[in-house]
Amino acid sequence: MHGGNGTQPGPMPPTVAVAPVPEPAAQPGGFDGPRSTCTTAQLRRFIKSRPWVPMHELRRRFGIWGADDDVSPIRVGDTTLYIGLPAMESRMMAELLSGGDVGYELSLDPGAPIVVGVYPMRPVPRS
């Protein structure tokens, strides 16, 4: 469909969804229940302030609790990706991916598409 000014809209970002993953019942150190380590806006701002952010840096910067091997599945279009974040933060990252705010880099070794880092997406200048 063409817009009223004769331009054609760009491609839509891929659909992103986080598969349901049960939250742990208790956290180390006796902290039970849901925890809020950051917001989507804070993640966006931090990622946009750097050229590339490895997943471990996001965990360190925001004190994201979880085991070293916490991985959550995320659907991007027809592909399942795995992100090294607990379920709550993975949902936030899925929101950023679906909005086109961030891109991702995959490690395809050992054969599972796991996100190893993210980077800001810059808007395309229009003339």
C-alpha atoms as a PDB file:
ATOM      1  CA  MET A   1       0.000   0.000   0.000  1.00  0.00           C
ATOM      2  CA  HIS A   2       1.294   3.458  -0.844  1.00  0.00           C
ATOM      3  CA  GLY A   3       1.134   6.417   1.514  1.00  0.00           C
ATOM      4  CA  GLY A   4      -0.710   9.614   0.645  1.00  0.00           C
ATOM      5  CA  ASN A   5       2.528  11.391  -0.311  1.00  0.00           C
ATOM      6  CA  GLY A   6       3.546   8.773  -2.875  1.00  0.00           C
ATOM      7  CA  THR A   7       6.045   6.990  -0.634  1.00  0.00           C
ATOM      8  CA  GLN A   8       5.981   3.312   0.170  1.00  0.00           C
ATOM      9  CA  PRO A   9       6.340   2.290   3.821  1.00  0.00           C
ATOM     10  CA  GLY A  10       9.494   0.378   4.741  1.00  0.00           C
ATOM     11  CA  PRO A  11       9.513  -3.257   5.810  1.00  0.00           C
ATOM     12  CA  MET A  12       7.978  -4.074   9.158  1.00  0.00           C
ATOM     13  CA  PRO A  13      10.329  -5.347  11.878  1.00  0.00           C
ATOM     14  CA  PRO A  14      10.159  -9.111  12.504  1.00  0.00           C
ATOM     15  CA  THR A  15       7.657 -10.434  15.002  1.00  0.00           C
ATOM     16  CA  VAL A  16       9.368 -11.184  18.304  1.00  0.00           C
ATOM     17  CA  ALA A  17       7.891 -13.200  21.147  1.00  0.00           C
ATOM     18  CA  VAL A  18       9.361 -14.754  24.257  1.00  0.00           C
ATOM     19  CA  ALA A  19       8.445 -18.351  24.917  1.00  0.00           C
ATOM     20  CA  PRO A  20       7.003 -18.886  28.399  1.00  0.00           C
ATOM     21  CA  VAL A  21       9.773 -19.799  30.803  1.00  0.00           C
ATOM     22  CA  PRO A  22       9.026 -20.455  34.479  1.00  0.00           C
ATOM     23  CA  GLU A  23      10.665 -18.054  36.912  1.00  0.00           C
ATOM     24  CA  PRO A  24      12.723 -19.609  39.710  1.00  0.00           C
ATOM     25  CA  ALA A  25      10.917 -19.879  43.053  1.00  0.00           C
ATOM     26  CA  ALA A  26      13.710 -18.280  45.060  1.00  0.00           C
ATOM     27  CA  GLN A  27      16.814 -16.253  44.359  1.00  0.00           C
ATOM     28  CA  PRO A  28      20.221 -16.742  45.997  1.00  0.00           C
ATOM     29  CA  GLY A  29      20.669 -14.774  49.177  1.00  0.00           C
ATOM     30  CA  GLY A  30      17.059 -15.209  50.295  1.00  0.00           C
ATOM     31  CA  PHE A  31      15.418 -12.748  47.884  1.00  0.00           C
ATOM     32  CA  ASP A  32      12.114 -14.313  46.910  1.00  0.00           C
ATOM     33  CA  GLY A  33       9.557 -13.230  44.347  1.00  0.00           C
ATOM     34  CA  PRO A  34       9.788 -11.083  41.248  1.00  0.00           C
ATOM     35  CA  ARG A  35      12.656  -8.667  40.936  1.00  0.00           C
ATOM     36  CA  SER A  36      12.998  -5.606  38.791  1.00  0.00           C
ATOM     37  CA  THR A  37      16.596  -4.983  37.788  1.00  0.00           C
ATOM     38  CA  CYS A  38      15.989  -2.533  34.968  1.00  0.00           C
ATOM     39  CA  THR A  39      13.361  -1.123  32.651  1.00  0.00           C
ATOM     40  CA  THR A  40      13.073  -1.380  28.890  1.00  0.00           C
ATOM     41  CA  ALA A  41      13.929   2.334  28.623  1.00  0.00           C
ATOM     42  CA  GLN A  42      17.099   1.841  30.697  1.00  0.00           C
ATOM     43  CA  LEU A  43      18.172  -1.091  28.511  1.00  0.00           C
ATOM     44  CA  ARG A  44      17.539   0.954  25.352  1.00  0.00           C
ATOM     45  CA  ARG A  45      19.485   3.963  26.675  1.00  0.00           C
ATOM     46  CA  PHE A  46      22.448   1.824  27.753  1.00  0.00           C
ATOM     47  CA  ILE A  47      22.622  -0.101  24.456  1.00  0.00           C
ATOM     48  CA  LYS A  48      22.325   3.091  22.397  1.00  0.00           C
ATOM     49  CA  SER A  49      25.253   4.621  24.325  1.00  0.00           C
ATOM     50  CA  ARG A  50      27.681   1.981  23.006  1.00  0.00           C
ATOM     51  CA  PRO A  51      28.562   0.539  19.607  1.00  0.00           C
ATOM     52  CA  TRP A  52      28.120  -3.071  20.809  1.00  0.00           C
ATOM     53  CA  VAL A  53      27.156  -4.629  24.141  1.00  0.00           C
ATOM     54  CA  PRO A  54      27.901  -8.268  25.029  1.00  0.00           C
ATOM     55  CA  MET A  55      25.199 -10.035  27.023  1.00  0.00           C
ATOM     56  CA  HIS A  56      27.434 -10.432  30.074  1.00  0.00           C
ATOM     57  CA  GLU A  57      27.914  -6.650  30.161  1.00  0.00           C
ATOM     58  CA  LEU A  58      24.133  -6.100  30.346  1.00  0.00           C
ATOM     59  CA  ARG A  59      23.943  -8.565  33.218  1.00  0.00           C
ATOM     60  CA  ARG A  60      26.801  -6.867  35.074  1.00  0.00           C
ATOM     61  CA  ARG A  61      25.625  -3.292  34.444  1.00  0.00           C
ATOM     62  CA  PHE A  62      22.090  -3.902  35.695  1.00  0.00           C
ATOM     63  CA  GLY A  63      22.847  -6.547  38.332  1.00  0.00           C
ATOM     64  CA  ILE A  64      20.618  -9.041  36.556  1.00  0.00           C
ATOM     65  CA  TRP A  65      20.256 -12.061  38.799  1.00  0.00           C
ATOM     66  CA  GLY A  66      20.475 -15.508  37.335  1.00  0.00           C
ATOM     67  CA  ALA A  67      22.708 -18.465  36.802  1.00  0.00           C
ATOM     68  CA  ASP A  68      25.636 -18.063  34.425  1.00  0.00           C
ATOM     69  CA  ASP A  69      23.897 -20.311  31.944  1.00  0.00           C
ATOM     70  CA  ASP A  70      20.420 -18.690  32.094  1.00  0.00           C
ATOM     71  CA  VAL A  71      19.088 -18.655  28.549  1.00  0.00           C
ATOM     72  CA  SER A  72      15.586 -17.729  27.382  1.00  0.00           C
ATOM     73  CA  PRO A  73      14.112 -18.603  23.974  1.00  0.00           C
ATOM     74  CA  ILE A  74      12.827 -15.740  21.814  1.00  0.00           C
ATOM     75  CA  ARG A  75      10.943 -16.138  18.531  1.00  0.00           C
ATOM     76  CA  VAL A  76      12.024 -13.753  15.765  1.00  0.00           C
ATOM     77  CA  GLY A  77       9.852 -14.390  12.742  1.00  0.00           C
ATOM     78  CA  ASP A  78      10.141 -18.131  12.098  1.00  0.00           C
ATOM     79  CA  THR A  79      13.431 -18.469  14.001  1.00  0.00           C
ATOM     80  CA  THR A  80      13.989 -19.279  17.656  1.00  0.00           C
ATOM     81  CA  LEU A  81      16.900 -17.374  19.170  1.00  0.00           C
ATOM     82  CA  TYR A  82      18.314 -17.867  22.626  1.00  0.00           C
ATOM     83  CA  ILE A  83      19.266 -14.894  24.797  1.00  0.00           C
ATOM     84  CA  GLY A  84      21.494 -15.179  27.880  1.00  0.00           C
ATOM     85  CA  LEU A  85      19.062 -13.365  30.149  1.00  0.00           C
ATOM     86  CA  PRO A  86      16.360 -14.472  32.578  1.00  0.00           C
ATOM     87  CA  ALA A  87      12.773 -14.484  31.265  1.00  0.00           C
ATOM     88  CA  MET A  88      11.793 -11.012  32.548  1.00  0.00           C
ATOM     89  CA  GLU A  89      14.746  -9.249  30.932  1.00  0.00           C
ATOM     90  CA  SER A  90      14.354 -11.359  27.777  1.00  0.00           C
ATOM     91  CA  ARG A  91      10.825  -9.994  27.390  1.00  0.00           C
ATOM     92  CA  MET A  92      12.261  -6.461  27.610  1.00  0.00           C
ATOM     93  CA  MET A  93      14.892  -7.302  24.998  1.00  0.00           C
ATOM     94  CA  ALA A  94      12.181  -8.825  22.774  1.00  0.00           C
ATOM     95  CA  GLU A  95      10.330  -5.513  22.943  1.00  0.00           C
ATOM     96  CA  LEU A  96      13.460  -3.653  21.808  1.00  0.00           C
ATOM     97  CA  LEU A  97      14.042  -6.141  18.982  1.00  0.00           C
ATOM     98  CA  SER A  98      10.457  -5.969  17.756  1.00  0.00           C
ATOM     99  CA  GLY A  99      10.542  -2.174  17.805  1.00  0.00           C
ATOM    100  CA  GLY A 100      13.712  -2.118  15.710  1.00  0.00           C
ATOM    101  CA  ASP A 101      15.611  -0.302  18.482  1.00  0.00           C
ATOM    102  CA  VAL A 102      18.400  -2.877  18.698  1.00  0.00           C
ATOM    103  CA  GLY A 103      20.001  -5.494  16.519  1.00  0.00           C
ATOM    104  CA  TYR A 104      21.692  -8.687  17.612  1.00  0.00           C
ATOM    105  CA  GLU A 105      24.789 -10.729  16.839  1.00  0.00           C
ATOM    106  CA  LEU A 106      24.592 -14.507  16.905  1.00  0.00           C
ATOM    107  CA  SER A 107      27.089 -17.154  17.816  1.00  0.00           C
ATOM    108  CA  LEU A 108      26.337 -20.086  15.555  1.00  0.00           C
ATOM    109  CA  ASP A 109      28.869 -22.305  17.269  1.00  0.00           C
ATOM    110  CA  PRO A 110      27.873 -24.863  18.508  1.00  0.00           C
ATOM    111  CA  GLY A 111      24.912 -24.769  16.128  1.00  0.00           C
ATOM    112  CA  ALA A 112      22.328 -23.056  18.335  1.00  0.00           C
ATOM    113  CA  PRO A 113      21.538 -19.454  17.394  1.00  0.00           C
ATOM    114  CA  ILE A 114      22.435 -17.770  20.690  1.00  0.00           C
ATOM    115  CA  VAL A 115      22.629 -13.992  20.993  1.00  0.00           C
ATOM    116  CA  VAL A 116      26.103 -12.966  22.156  1.00  0.00           C
ATOM    117  CA  GLY A 117      25.628  -9.216  21.906  1.00  0.00           C
ATOM    118  CA  VAL A 118      23.358  -6.399  20.837  1.00  0.00           C
ATOM    119  CA  TYR A 119      23.924  -3.079  19.126  1.00  0.00           C
ATOM    120  CA  PRO A 120      21.893   0.079  18.532  1.00  0.00           C
ATOM    121  CA  MET A 121      20.023   0.479  15.288  1.00  0.00           C
ATOM    122  CA  ARG A 122      20.481   3.926  13.796  1.00  0.00           C
ATOM    123  CA  PRO A 123      17.620   5.497  11.901  1.00  0.00           C
ATOM    124  CA  VAL A 124      18.208   5.776   8.170  1.00  0.00           C
ATOM    125  CA  PRO A 125      18.575   9.459   7.190  1.00  0.00           C
ATOM    126  CA  ARG A 126      15.907  10.609   4.771  1.00  0.00           C
ATOM    127  CA  SER A 127      16.532  13.245   2.156  1.00  0.00           C
END
